[in-house]
Amino acid sequence: MKKFFPVYVRLPIIFFIVFGLMEYCIDSGDRAAFIKYPMVAVFLFVFLFILIAIEITLSAVNRVMYQLLSPEEKEKLAYEESLSLQESTWFKNLMHKLTKTEPIEKEGDLLMDHDYDGIKELDNNLPPWWVYLFYICIVFGVVYVFYFDVFGGDNQEMELKKEMAQAKIEVEEYLKTAPDLMDEKTVVLLTDEPSLAAGKEIFMTNCAACHRADAGGQIGPNLTDDKWILGGGIKNVFHTITNGGRDGKGMVSWKTNGMKPKEIQKVASYILSLQGSNPKDAKEAEGEVWVDENATKKDATANKTTDSTAVKK
């Protein structure tokens, strides 16, 4: 056996199997486990040292045992070591256990009474590996039927739906804390002074040429009145700046011109902070008056609550 798997083959195979299992089982993120956790590297070093020590010890024991053999035993051992893999005793025993084949000399004992034009049938046993695999398939089939059809276990389609639903929840949670992945569904209005100041700087650099420094409108529309061409509010303004205005006559998409979502949020918040500022010589209002439906619903709910409280009193 050792002839077919010498020490320079055995040692690397055993070591890398253990190494691979540790890397697979230990969660170390995007770094190797033996780099992130120094104790893993120490363990691997000690394990390799022990492997080498075992091989050296076994080699020494084998040499001593060989010297104690008689000349006949040495000759027998030399003969066994000269055999090929298929001729070796351990390989023959292994194949016999796997196949349960009978020697060709006993073929006469296996002949059945069937004879078709000189073609005869042997009553060989089924290979054990085939029999065991057949039994495993039966057990698997019974478990499968009970799990899916009797107890209503999740099939592939249901598992996919659940995983997609969970992934959607995780993405939404991640987007709440990932400003560079913000979109019009998750954006919120900023009102703090540092954010508005940063938004003003962005506006002066990129938007003032078309909307004027006071946002009163020039080539682009007036941004200080209550009318909007593509809708007002932080979500609509964020969407317009991100994706651009009307085809053929609106502004470009700032998302494709180097402006990040966080920067778009700041400039959109700054624009909304200019509502009602009434700059001098402002451009005539365009579009329609935009009303925040969510705010209207909240006000209506609050009024109903107030009226209900008044009636109770």
C-alpha atoms as a PDB file:
ATOM      1  CA  MET A   1       0.000   0.000   0.000  1.00  0.00           C
ATOM      2  CA  LYS A   2       2.807   2.392   0.912  1.00  0.00           C
ATOM      3  CA  LYS A   3       4.415   1.751  -2.481  1.00  0.00           C
ATOM      4  CA  PHE A   4       1.410   3.291  -4.212  1.00  0.00           C
ATOM      5  CA  PHE A   5       1.083   6.159  -1.704  1.00  0.00           C
ATOM      6  CA  PRO A   6       4.628   7.145  -0.681  1.00  0.00           C
ATOM      7  CA  VAL A   7       5.340   9.587   2.131  1.00  0.00           C
ATOM      8  CA  TYR A   8       5.749  12.585  -0.201  1.00  0.00           C
ATOM      9  CA  VAL A   9       2.195  11.926  -1.443  1.00  0.00           C
ATOM     10  CA  ARG A  10       0.558  10.990   1.883  1.00  0.00           C
ATOM     11  CA  LEU A  11       1.812  13.961   3.875  1.00  0.00           C
ATOM     12  CA  PRO A  12       0.607  16.747   1.500  1.00  0.00           C
ATOM     13  CA  ILE A  13      -2.761  15.034   0.937  1.00  0.00           C
ATOM     14  CA  ILE A  14      -3.496  14.630   4.676  1.00  0.00           C
ATOM     15  CA  PHE A  15      -2.245  18.119   5.490  1.00  0.00           C
ATOM     16  CA  PHE A  16      -4.243  19.873   2.778  1.00  0.00           C
ATOM     17  CA  ILE A  17      -7.400  17.921   3.631  1.00  0.00           C
ATOM     18  CA  VAL A  18      -7.184  19.204   7.219  1.00  0.00           C
ATOM     19  CA  PHE A  19      -6.257  22.676   5.957  1.00  0.00           C
ATOM     20  CA  GLY A  20      -9.262  22.754   3.604  1.00  0.00           C
ATOM     21  CA  LEU A  21     -11.652  21.570   6.324  1.00  0.00           C
ATOM     22  CA  MET A  22     -10.485  24.324   8.678  1.00  0.00           C
ATOM     23  CA  GLU A  23     -10.850  26.997   6.010  1.00  0.00           C
ATOM     24  CA  TYR A  24     -14.342  25.705   5.200  1.00  0.00           C
ATOM     25  CA  CYS A  25     -15.554  25.437   8.800  1.00  0.00           C
ATOM     26  CA  ILE A  26     -14.022  28.629  10.225  1.00  0.00           C
ATOM     27  CA  ASP A  27     -15.795  31.849   9.191  1.00  0.00           C
ATOM     28  CA  SER A  28     -13.017  34.334   8.458  1.00  0.00           C
ATOM     29  CA  GLY A  29     -14.751  36.642   5.970  1.00  0.00           C
ATOM     30  CA  ASP A  30     -12.719  37.572   2.908  1.00  0.00           C
ATOM     31  CA  ARG A  31      -9.402  36.561   4.513  1.00  0.00           C
ATOM     32  CA  ALA A  32      -7.858  33.144   5.004  1.00  0.00           C
ATOM     33  CA  ALA A  33      -8.515  31.665   8.454  1.00  0.00           C
ATOM     34  CA  PHE A  34      -4.817  31.034   9.164  1.00  0.00           C
ATOM     35  CA  ILE A  35      -4.108  34.734   8.434  1.00  0.00           C
ATOM     36  CA  LYS A  36      -7.010  36.213  10.394  1.00  0.00           C
ATOM     37  CA  TYR A  37      -6.607  33.851  13.338  1.00  0.00           C
ATOM     38  CA  PRO A  38      -2.935  33.213  14.230  1.00  0.00           C
ATOM     39  CA  MET A  39      -3.898  30.221  16.411  1.00  0.00           C
ATOM     40  CA  VAL A  40      -5.079  28.411  13.268  1.00  0.00           C
ATOM     41  CA  ALA A  41      -1.638  28.854  11.720  1.00  0.00           C
ATOM     42  CA  VAL A  42      -0.027  27.570  14.961  1.00  0.00           C
ATOM     43  CA  PHE A  43      -2.331  24.519  14.935  1.00  0.00           C
ATOM     44  CA  LEU A  44      -1.497  23.734  11.289  1.00  0.00           C
ATOM     45  CA  PHE A  45       2.223  24.046  11.989  1.00  0.00           C
ATOM     46  CA  VAL A  46       1.988  21.706  14.998  1.00  0.00           C
ATOM     47  CA  PHE A  47      -0.179  19.268  13.016  1.00  0.00           C
ATOM     48  CA  LEU A  48       2.366  19.175  10.157  1.00  0.00           C
ATOM     49  CA  PHE A  49       5.171  18.643  12.671  1.00  0.00           C
ATOM     50  CA  ILE A  50       3.278  15.710  14.251  1.00  0.00           C
ATOM     51  CA  LEU A  51       2.620  14.172  10.816  1.00  0.00           C
ATOM     52  CA  ILE A  52       6.316  14.304   9.956  1.00  0.00           C
ATOM     53  CA  ALA A  53       7.233  12.856  13.353  1.00  0.00           C
ATOM     54  CA  ILE A  54       4.776   9.971  12.898  1.00  0.00           C
ATOM     55  CA  GLU A  55       6.166   9.177   9.451  1.00  0.00           C
ATOM     56  CA  ILE A  56       9.750   9.204  10.747  1.00  0.00           C
ATOM     57  CA  THR A  57       8.795   6.973  13.688  1.00  0.00           C
ATOM     58  CA  LEU A  58       6.920   4.503  11.479  1.00  0.00           C
ATOM     59  CA  SER A  59       9.809   4.394   9.036  1.00  0.00           C
ATOM     60  CA  ALA A  60      12.239   3.601  11.854  1.00  0.00           C
ATOM     61  CA  VAL A  61       9.943   0.886  13.251  1.00  0.00           C
ATOM     62  CA  ASN A  62       9.579  -0.682   9.796  1.00  0.00           C
ATOM     63  CA  ARG A  63      13.357  -0.807   9.357  1.00  0.00           C
ATOM     64  CA  VAL A  64      13.805  -2.476  12.736  1.00  0.00           C
ATOM     65  CA  MET A  65      10.994  -4.958  12.051  1.00  0.00           C
ATOM     66  CA  TYR A  66      12.492  -5.772   8.643  1.00  0.00           C
ATOM     67  CA  GLN A  67      15.825  -6.671  10.246  1.00  0.00           C
ATOM     68  CA  LEU A  68      13.998  -9.100  12.529  1.00  0.00           C
ATOM     69  CA  LEU A  69      12.393 -10.990   9.640  1.00  0.00           C
ATOM     70  CA  SER A  70      13.674 -14.362   8.513  1.00  0.00           C
ATOM     71  CA  PRO A  71      15.118 -14.730   4.973  1.00  0.00           C
ATOM     72  CA  GLU A  72      11.885 -16.447   3.829  1.00  0.00           C
ATOM     73  CA  GLU A  73       9.741 -13.632   5.218  1.00  0.00           C
ATOM     74  CA  LYS A  74      11.982 -11.009   3.581  1.00  0.00           C
ATOM     75  CA  GLU A  75      11.665 -12.830   0.276  1.00  0.00           C
ATOM     76  CA  LYS A  76       7.857 -12.988   0.627  1.00  0.00           C
ATOM     77  CA  LEU A  77       7.706  -9.278   1.488  1.00  0.00           C
ATOM     78  CA  ALA A  78       9.884  -8.402  -1.505  1.00  0.00           C
ATOM     79  CA  TYR A  79       7.611 -10.448  -3.750  1.00  0.00           C
ATOM     80  CA  GLU A  80       4.455  -8.661  -2.462  1.00  0.00           C
ATOM     81  CA  GLU A  81       6.083  -5.273  -2.958  1.00  0.00           C
ATOM     82  CA  SER A  82       6.956  -6.180  -6.555  1.00  0.00           C
ATOM     83  CA  LEU A  83       3.296  -6.836  -7.418  1.00  0.00           C
ATOM     84  CA  SER A  84       1.266  -4.238  -9.288  1.00  0.00           C
ATOM     85  CA  LEU A  85      -1.792  -2.578  -7.778  1.00  0.00           C
ATOM     86  CA  GLN A  86      -4.238  -5.010  -9.408  1.00  0.00           C
ATOM     87  CA  GLU A  87      -2.169  -8.004  -8.318  1.00  0.00           C
ATOM     88  CA  SER A  88      -1.752  -6.934  -4.695  1.00  0.00           C
ATOM     89  CA  THR A  89      -3.539  -8.916  -1.984  1.00  0.00           C
ATOM     90  CA  TRP A  90      -5.284  -5.967  -0.365  1.00  0.00           C
ATOM     91  CA  PHE A  91      -6.650  -4.791  -3.747  1.00  0.00           C
ATOM     92  CA  LYS A  92      -8.008  -8.264  -4.554  1.00  0.00           C
ATOM     93  CA  ASN A  93      -9.679  -8.478  -1.135  1.00  0.00           C
ATOM     94  CA  LEU A  94     -11.205  -5.038  -1.612  1.00  0.00           C
ATOM     95  CA  MET A  95     -12.628  -5.879  -5.041  1.00  0.00           C
ATOM     96  CA  HIS A  96     -14.024  -9.164  -3.731  1.00  0.00           C
ATOM     97  CA  LYS A  97     -15.848  -7.358  -0.927  1.00  0.00           C
ATOM     98  CA  LEU A  98     -17.274  -4.850  -3.411  1.00  0.00           C
ATOM     99  CA  THR A  99     -18.353  -7.324  -6.074  1.00  0.00           C
ATOM    100  CA  LYS A 100     -18.699 -10.742  -4.337  1.00  0.00           C
ATOM    101  CA  THR A 101     -17.536 -12.393  -7.563  1.00  0.00           C
ATOM    102  CA  GLU A 102     -16.761 -16.103  -7.654  1.00  0.00           C
ATOM    103  CA  PRO A 103     -13.583 -17.498  -9.223  1.00  0.00           C
ATOM    104  CA  ILE A 104     -13.958 -18.677 -12.807  1.00  0.00           C
ATOM    105  CA  GLU A 105     -13.145 -22.194 -11.624  1.00  0.00           C
ATOM    106  CA  LYS A 106     -16.516 -22.294  -9.813  1.00  0.00           C
ATOM    107  CA  GLU A 107     -18.483 -21.157 -12.852  1.00  0.00           C
ATOM    108  CA  GLY A 108     -20.025 -24.597 -13.219  1.00  0.00           C
ATOM    109  CA  ASP A 109     -21.678 -24.321  -9.801  1.00  0.00           C
ATOM    110  CA  LEU A 110     -23.368 -21.062 -10.836  1.00  0.00           C
ATOM    111  CA  LEU A 111     -24.899 -22.272 -14.091  1.00  0.00           C
ATOM    112  CA  MET A 112     -28.686 -22.202 -14.176  1.00  0.00           C
ATOM    113  CA  ASP A 113     -30.986 -24.525 -16.110  1.00  0.00           C
ATOM    114  CA  HIS A 114     -31.765 -21.836 -18.690  1.00  0.00           C
ATOM    115  CA  ASP A 115     -30.319 -22.599 -22.088  1.00  0.00           C
ATOM    116  CA  TYR A 116     -31.207 -20.517 -25.164  1.00  0.00           C
ATOM    117  CA  ASP A 117     -29.429 -21.611 -28.314  1.00  0.00           C
ATOM    118  CA  GLY A 118     -26.359 -22.451 -26.281  1.00  0.00           C
ATOM    119  CA  ILE A 119     -26.477 -19.235 -24.271  1.00  0.00           C
ATOM    120  CA  LYS A 120     -26.455 -20.047 -20.567  1.00  0.00           C
ATOM    121  CA  GLU A 121     -27.088 -17.892 -17.482  1.00  0.00           C
ATOM    122  CA  LEU A 122     -24.945 -17.618 -14.370  1.00  0.00           C
ATOM    123  CA  ASP A 123     -26.587 -17.131 -10.977  1.00  0.00           C
ATOM    124  CA  ASN A 124     -24.179 -14.466  -9.747  1.00  0.00           C
ATOM    125  CA  ASN A 125     -24.898 -12.413  -6.646  1.00  0.00           C
ATOM    126  CA  LEU A 126     -25.630  -8.740  -7.102  1.00  0.00           C
ATOM    127  CA  PRO A 127     -22.638  -6.544  -6.196  1.00  0.00           C
ATOM    128  CA  PRO A 128     -22.944  -5.349  -2.566  1.00  0.00           C
ATOM    129  CA  TRP A 129     -22.400  -1.717  -3.575  1.00  0.00           C
ATOM    130  CA  TRP A 130     -25.405  -1.982  -5.937  1.00  0.00           C
ATOM    131  CA  VAL A 131     -27.578  -3.655  -3.282  1.00  0.00           C
ATOM    132  CA  TYR A 132     -26.711  -1.044  -0.640  1.00  0.00           C
ATOM    133  CA  LEU A 133     -27.347   1.771  -3.104  1.00  0.00           C
ATOM    134  CA  PHE A 134     -30.728   0.248  -3.925  1.00  0.00           C
ATOM    135  CA  TYR A 135     -31.663   0.126  -0.224  1.00  0.00           C
ATOM    136  CA  ILE A 136     -30.514   3.719   0.236  1.00  0.00           C
ATOM    137  CA  CYS A 137     -32.738   4.800  -2.675  1.00  0.00           C
ATOM    138  CA  ILE A 138     -35.727   3.083  -1.070  1.00  0.00           C
ATOM    139  CA  VAL A 139     -35.116   4.818   2.273  1.00  0.00           C
ATOM    140  CA  PHE A 140     -34.595   8.143   0.506  1.00  0.00           C
ATOM    141  CA  GLY A 141     -37.851   7.696  -1.435  1.00  0.00           C
ATOM    142  CA  VAL A 142     -39.846   6.975   1.747  1.00  0.00           C
ATOM    143  CA  VAL A 143     -38.358  10.002   3.539  1.00  0.00           C
ATOM    144  CA  TYR A 144     -38.979  12.185   0.474  1.00  0.00           C
ATOM    145  CA  VAL A 145     -42.654  11.208   0.204  1.00  0.00           C
ATOM    146  CA  PHE A 146     -43.335  11.732   3.901  1.00  0.00           C
ATOM    147  CA  TYR A 147     -41.461  15.063   4.062  1.00  0.00           C
ATOM    148  CA  PHE A 148     -42.992  16.706   0.986  1.00  0.00           C
ATOM    149  CA  ASP A 149     -46.353  14.993   0.493  1.00  0.00           C
ATOM    150  CA  VAL A 150     -47.384  14.035   4.032  1.00  0.00           C
ATOM    151  CA  PHE A 151     -45.862  16.765   6.204  1.00  0.00           C
ATOM    152  CA  GLY A 152     -45.969  19.518   3.557  1.00  0.00           C
ATOM    153  CA  GLY A 153     -42.283  20.370   3.454  1.00  0.00           C
ATOM    154  CA  ASP A 154     -41.108  23.304   1.352  1.00  0.00           C
ATOM    155  CA  ASN A 155     -40.361  22.439  -2.264  1.00  0.00           C
ATOM    156  CA  GLN A 156     -37.858  24.304  -4.412  1.00  0.00           C
ATOM    157  CA  GLU A 157     -40.363  26.941  -5.502  1.00  0.00           C
ATOM    158  CA  MET A 158     -41.431  27.703  -1.930  1.00  0.00           C
ATOM    159  CA  GLU A 159     -37.829  27.832  -0.734  1.00  0.00           C
ATOM    160  CA  LEU A 160     -37.023  30.284  -3.529  1.00  0.00           C
ATOM    161  CA  LYS A 161     -39.967  32.531  -2.592  1.00  0.00           C
ATOM    162  CA  LYS A 162     -38.934  32.566   1.069  1.00  0.00           C
ATOM    163  CA  GLU A 163     -35.309  33.282   0.228  1.00  0.00           C
ATOM    164  CA  MET A 164     -36.305  36.088  -2.154  1.00  0.00           C
ATOM    165  CA  ALA A 165     -38.578  37.618   0.503  1.00  0.00           C
ATOM    166  CA  GLN A 166     -35.796  37.445   3.091  1.00  0.00           C
ATOM    167  CA  ALA A 167     -33.288  38.881   0.617  1.00  0.00           C
ATOM    168  CA  LYS A 168     -35.647  41.777  -0.104  1.00  0.00           C
ATOM    169  CA  ILE A 169     -35.903  42.562   3.618  1.00  0.00           C
ATOM    170  CA  GLU A 170     -32.120  42.425   3.997  1.00  0.00           C
ATOM    171  CA  VAL A 171     -31.600  44.691   0.964  1.00  0.00           C
ATOM    172  CA  GLU A 172     -34.072  47.236   2.340  1.00  0.00           C
ATOM    173  CA  GLU A 173     -32.309  47.226   5.701  1.00  0.00           C
ATOM    174  CA  TYR A 174     -28.952  47.627   3.992  1.00  0.00           C
ATOM    175  CA  LEU A 175     -30.169  50.515   1.842  1.00  0.00           C
ATOM    176  CA  LYS A 176     -31.186  52.413   4.972  1.00  0.00           C
ATOM    177  CA  THR A 177     -27.542  52.641   6.032  1.00  0.00           C
ATOM    178  CA  ALA A 178     -25.912  52.730   2.580  1.00  0.00           C
ATOM    179  CA  PRO A 179     -26.144  56.300   1.222  1.00  0.00           C
ATOM    180  CA  ASP A 180     -24.448  55.468  -2.070  1.00  0.00           C
ATOM    181  CA  LEU A 181     -27.218  52.947  -2.816  1.00  0.00           C
ATOM    182  CA  MET A 182     -30.032  55.359  -1.977  1.00  0.00           C
ATOM    183  CA  ASP A 183     -32.944  55.726  -4.405  1.00  0.00           C
ATOM    184  CA  GLU A 184     -36.186  57.698  -4.592  1.00  0.00           C
ATOM    185  CA  LYS A 185     -37.951  55.121  -2.430  1.00  0.00           C
ATOM    186  CA  THR A 186     -35.560  55.408   0.517  1.00  0.00           C
ATOM    187  CA  VAL A 187     -34.419  59.032   0.296  1.00  0.00           C
ATOM    188  CA  VAL A 188     -35.444  61.410   3.088  1.00  0.00           C
ATOM    189  CA  LEU A 189     -35.448  65.196   3.299  1.00  0.00           C
ATOM    190  CA  LEU A 190     -32.407  66.756   4.988  1.00  0.00           C
ATOM    191  CA  THR A 191     -32.898  69.908   7.061  1.00  0.00           C
ATOM    192  CA  ASP A 192     -29.624  70.286   8.973  1.00  0.00           C
ATOM    193  CA  GLU A 193     -27.417  73.252   8.111  1.00  0.00           C
ATOM    194  CA  PRO A 194     -24.263  71.328   7.057  1.00  0.00           C
ATOM    195  CA  SER A 195     -26.242  69.229   4.543  1.00  0.00           C
ATOM    196  CA  LEU A 196     -28.057  72.272   3.122  1.00  0.00           C
ATOM    197  CA  ALA A 197     -24.759  74.162   2.859  1.00  0.00           C
ATOM    198  CA  ALA A 198     -23.221  71.247   0.950  1.00  0.00           C
ATOM    199  CA  GLY A 199     -26.337  71.119  -1.251  1.00  0.00           C
ATOM    200  CA  LYS A 200     -26.020  74.815  -1.992  1.00  0.00           C
ATOM    201  CA  GLU A 201     -22.403  74.375  -3.085  1.00  0.00           C
ATOM    202  CA  ILE A 202     -23.412  71.543  -5.427  1.00  0.00           C
ATOM    203  CA  PHE A 203     -26.281  73.644  -6.774  1.00  0.00           C
ATOM    204  CA  MET A 204     -24.005  76.610  -7.492  1.00  0.00           C
ATOM    205  CA  THR A 205     -21.506  74.374  -9.285  1.00  0.00           C
ATOM    206  CA  ASN A 206     -23.886  72.306 -11.400  1.00  0.00           C
ATOM    207  CA  CYS A 207     -27.372  73.866 -11.467  1.00  0.00           C
ATOM    208  CA  ALA A 208     -27.061  77.650 -11.272  1.00  0.00           C
ATOM    209  CA  ALA A 209     -26.160  77.974 -14.964  1.00  0.00           C
ATOM    210  CA  CYS A 210     -29.691  76.919 -15.983  1.00  0.00           C
ATOM    211  CA  HIS A 211     -31.769  77.734 -12.888  1.00  0.00           C
ATOM    212  CA  ARG A 212     -29.911  80.902 -11.713  1.00  0.00           C
ATOM    213  CA  ALA A 213     -28.048  81.230  -8.463  1.00  0.00           C
ATOM    214  CA  ASP A 214     -31.266  82.103  -6.621  1.00  0.00           C
ATOM    215  CA  ALA A 215     -33.134  79.192  -8.345  1.00  0.00           C
ATOM    216  CA  GLY A 216     -35.487  81.707  -9.970  1.00  0.00           C
ATOM    217  CA  GLY A 217     -35.193  79.992 -13.345  1.00  0.00           C
ATOM    218  CA  GLN A 218     -33.516  80.868 -16.622  1.00  0.00           C
ATOM    219  CA  ILE A 219     -33.142  78.112 -19.207  1.00  0.00           C
ATOM    220  CA  GLY A 220     -34.497  75.739 -16.606  1.00  0.00           C
ATOM    221  CA  PRO A 221     -37.743  76.321 -14.683  1.00  0.00           C
ATOM    222  CA  ASN A 222     -38.247  78.354 -11.526  1.00  0.00           C
ATOM    223  CA  LEU A 223     -37.590  76.101  -8.523  1.00  0.00           C
ATOM    224  CA  THR A 224     -38.945  78.412  -5.834  1.00  0.00           C
ATOM    225  CA  ASP A 225     -42.687  78.400  -6.626  1.00  0.00           C
ATOM    226  CA  ASP A 226     -45.268  75.756  -5.735  1.00  0.00           C
ATOM    227  CA  LYS A 227     -45.598  74.340  -9.257  1.00  0.00           C
ATOM    228  CA  TRP A 228     -43.636  71.386 -10.568  1.00  0.00           C
ATOM    229  CA  ILE A 229     -43.360  69.848 -14.022  1.00  0.00           C
ATOM    230  CA  LEU A 230     -42.331  66.379 -12.836  1.00  0.00           C
ATOM    231  CA  GLY A 231     -43.630  66.482  -9.280  1.00  0.00           C
ATOM    232  CA  GLY A 232     -42.351  68.039  -6.074  1.00  0.00           C
ATOM    233  CA  GLY A 233     -41.251  66.609  -2.764  1.00  0.00           C
ATOM    234  CA  ILE A 234     -37.925  65.024  -1.943  1.00  0.00           C
ATOM    235  CA  LYS A 235     -38.652  61.734  -3.719  1.00  0.00           C
ATOM    236  CA  ASN A 236     -39.762  63.295  -7.016  1.00  0.00           C
ATOM    237  CA  VAL A 237     -36.983  65.893  -7.058  1.00  0.00           C
ATOM    238  CA  PHE A 238     -34.411  63.213  -6.223  1.00  0.00           C
ATOM    239  CA  HIS A 239     -35.780  61.058  -9.069  1.00  0.00           C
ATOM    240  CA  THR A 240     -35.660  63.947 -11.564  1.00  0.00           C
ATOM    241  CA  ILE A 241     -32.104  64.937 -10.697  1.00  0.00           C
ATOM    242  CA  THR A 242     -30.972  61.305 -10.784  1.00  0.00           C
ATOM    243  CA  ASN A 243     -32.601  60.273 -14.068  1.00  0.00           C
ATOM    244  CA  GLY A 244     -32.900  63.614 -15.857  1.00  0.00           C
ATOM    245  CA  GLY A 245     -35.849  65.702 -17.000  1.00  0.00           C
ATOM    246  CA  ARG A 246     -38.168  65.425 -19.972  1.00  0.00           C
ATOM    247  CA  ASP A 247     -36.808  63.699 -23.068  1.00  0.00           C
ATOM    248  CA  GLY A 248     -35.342  66.139 -25.565  1.00  0.00           C
ATOM    249  CA  LYS A 249     -35.832  69.301 -23.495  1.00  0.00           C
ATOM    250  CA  GLY A 250     -35.109  68.477 -19.861  1.00  0.00           C
ATOM    251  CA  MET A 251     -31.827  68.400 -17.999  1.00  0.00           C
ATOM    252  CA  VAL A 252     -29.354  65.551 -18.170  1.00  0.00           C
ATOM    253  CA  SER A 253     -29.194  62.647 -15.767  1.00  0.00           C
ATOM    254  CA  TRP A 254     -26.802  63.633 -13.022  1.00  0.00           C
ATOM    255  CA  LYS A 255     -26.416  60.019 -11.976  1.00  0.00           C
ATOM    256  CA  THR A 256     -24.509  59.383 -15.192  1.00  0.00           C
ATOM    257  CA  ASN A 257     -22.579  62.648 -14.846  1.00  0.00           C
ATOM    258  CA  GLY A 258     -20.719  61.814 -11.665  1.00  0.00           C
ATOM    259  CA  MET A 259     -23.133  62.895  -8.934  1.00  0.00           C
ATOM    260  CA  LYS A 260     -23.514  60.371  -6.107  1.00  0.00           C
ATOM    261  CA  PRO A 261     -26.893  59.594  -4.427  1.00  0.00           C
ATOM    262  CA  LYS A 262     -25.833  61.338  -1.207  1.00  0.00           C
ATOM    263  CA  GLU A 263     -24.929  64.473  -3.164  1.00  0.00           C
ATOM    264  CA  ILE A 264     -28.246  64.355  -5.053  1.00  0.00           C
ATOM    265  CA  GLN A 265     -30.066  64.085  -1.716  1.00  0.00           C
ATOM    266  CA  LYS A 266     -28.298  67.191  -0.415  1.00  0.00           C
ATOM    267  CA  VAL A 267     -28.925  69.325  -3.502  1.00  0.00           C
ATOM    268  CA  ALA A 268     -32.568  68.177  -3.663  1.00  0.00           C
ATOM    269  CA  SER A 269     -33.036  69.109  -0.009  1.00  0.00           C
ATOM    270  CA  TYR A 270     -31.435  72.494  -0.647  1.00  0.00           C
ATOM    271  CA  ILE A 271     -33.777  73.130  -3.603  1.00  0.00           C
ATOM    272  CA  LEU A 272     -36.810  72.330  -1.469  1.00  0.00           C
ATOM    273  CA  SER A 273     -35.528  74.685   1.243  1.00  0.00           C
ATOM    274  CA  LEU A 274     -35.885  77.547  -1.296  1.00  0.00           C
ATOM    275  CA  GLN A 275     -39.661  77.094  -1.629  1.00  0.00           C
ATOM    276  CA  GLY A 276     -41.448  80.425  -1.280  1.00  0.00           C
ATOM    277  CA  SER A 277     -38.241  82.504  -1.369  1.00  0.00           C
ATOM    278  CA  ASN A 278     -39.694  84.609  -4.271  1.00  0.00           C
ATOM    279  CA  PRO A 279     -36.459  85.796  -5.935  1.00  0.00           C
ATOM    280  CA  LYS A 280     -36.532  89.003  -7.990  1.00  0.00           C
ATOM    281  CA  ASP A 281     -37.494  88.677 -11.676  1.00  0.00           C
ATOM    282  CA  ALA A 282     -38.241  84.988 -11.284  1.00  0.00           C
ATOM    283  CA  LYS A 283     -39.320  82.997 -14.291  1.00  0.00           C
ATOM    284  CA  GLU A 284     -43.036  82.351 -14.696  1.00  0.00           C
ATOM    285  CA  ALA A 285     -44.217  79.216 -12.934  1.00  0.00           C
ATOM    286  CA  GLU A 286     -44.501  76.043 -15.007  1.00  0.00           C
ATOM    287  CA  GLY A 287     -46.258  72.774 -14.332  1.00  0.00           C
ATOM    288  CA  GLU A 288     -48.904  72.069 -11.736  1.00  0.00           C
ATOM    289  CA  VAL A 289     -49.258  72.676  -8.040  1.00  0.00           C
ATOM    290  CA  TRP A 290     -47.910  69.640  -6.242  1.00  0.00           C
ATOM    291  CA  VAL A 291     -49.525  68.418  -3.048  1.00  0.00           C
ATOM    292  CA  ASP A 292     -47.980  65.787  -0.819  1.00  0.00           C
ATOM    293  CA  GLU A 293     -50.694  63.115  -0.636  1.00  0.00           C
ATOM    294  CA  ASN A 294     -49.091  61.400   2.338  1.00  0.00           C
ATOM    295  CA  ALA A 295     -49.071  64.651   4.312  1.00  0.00           C
ATOM    296  CA  THR A 296     -52.701  65.276   3.345  1.00  0.00           C
ATOM    297  CA  LYS A 297     -53.699  61.824   4.585  1.00  0.00           C
ATOM    298  CA  LYS A 298     -51.854  62.383   7.855  1.00  0.00           C
ATOM    299  CA  ASP A 299     -53.586  65.748   8.357  1.00  0.00           C
ATOM    300  CA  ALA A 300     -56.976  64.194   7.665  1.00  0.00           C
ATOM    301  CA  THR A 301     -56.289  61.413  10.160  1.00  0.00           C
ATOM    302  CA  ALA A 302     -55.170  63.946  12.750  1.00  0.00           C
ATOM    303  CA  ASN A 303     -58.353  66.021  12.209  1.00  0.00           C
ATOM    304  CA  LYS A 304     -60.559  62.944  12.646  1.00  0.00           C
ATOM    305  CA  THR A 305     -58.733  62.079  15.855  1.00  0.00           C
ATOM    306  CA  THR A 306     -59.181  65.642  17.143  1.00  0.00           C
ATOM    307  CA  ASP A 307     -62.907  65.691  16.256  1.00  0.00           C
ATOM    308  CA  SER A 308     -63.416  62.301  17.920  1.00  0.00           C
ATOM    309  CA  THR A 309     -61.684  63.528  21.068  1.00  0.00           C
ATOM    310  CA  ALA A 310     -63.819  66.687  21.106  1.00  0.00           C
ATOM    311  CA  VAL A 311     -67.052  64.651  20.831  1.00  0.00           C
ATOM    312  CA  LYS A 312     -65.972  62.401  23.718  1.00  0.00           C
ATOM    313  CA  LYS A 313     -65.322  65.460  25.862  1.00  0.00           C
END
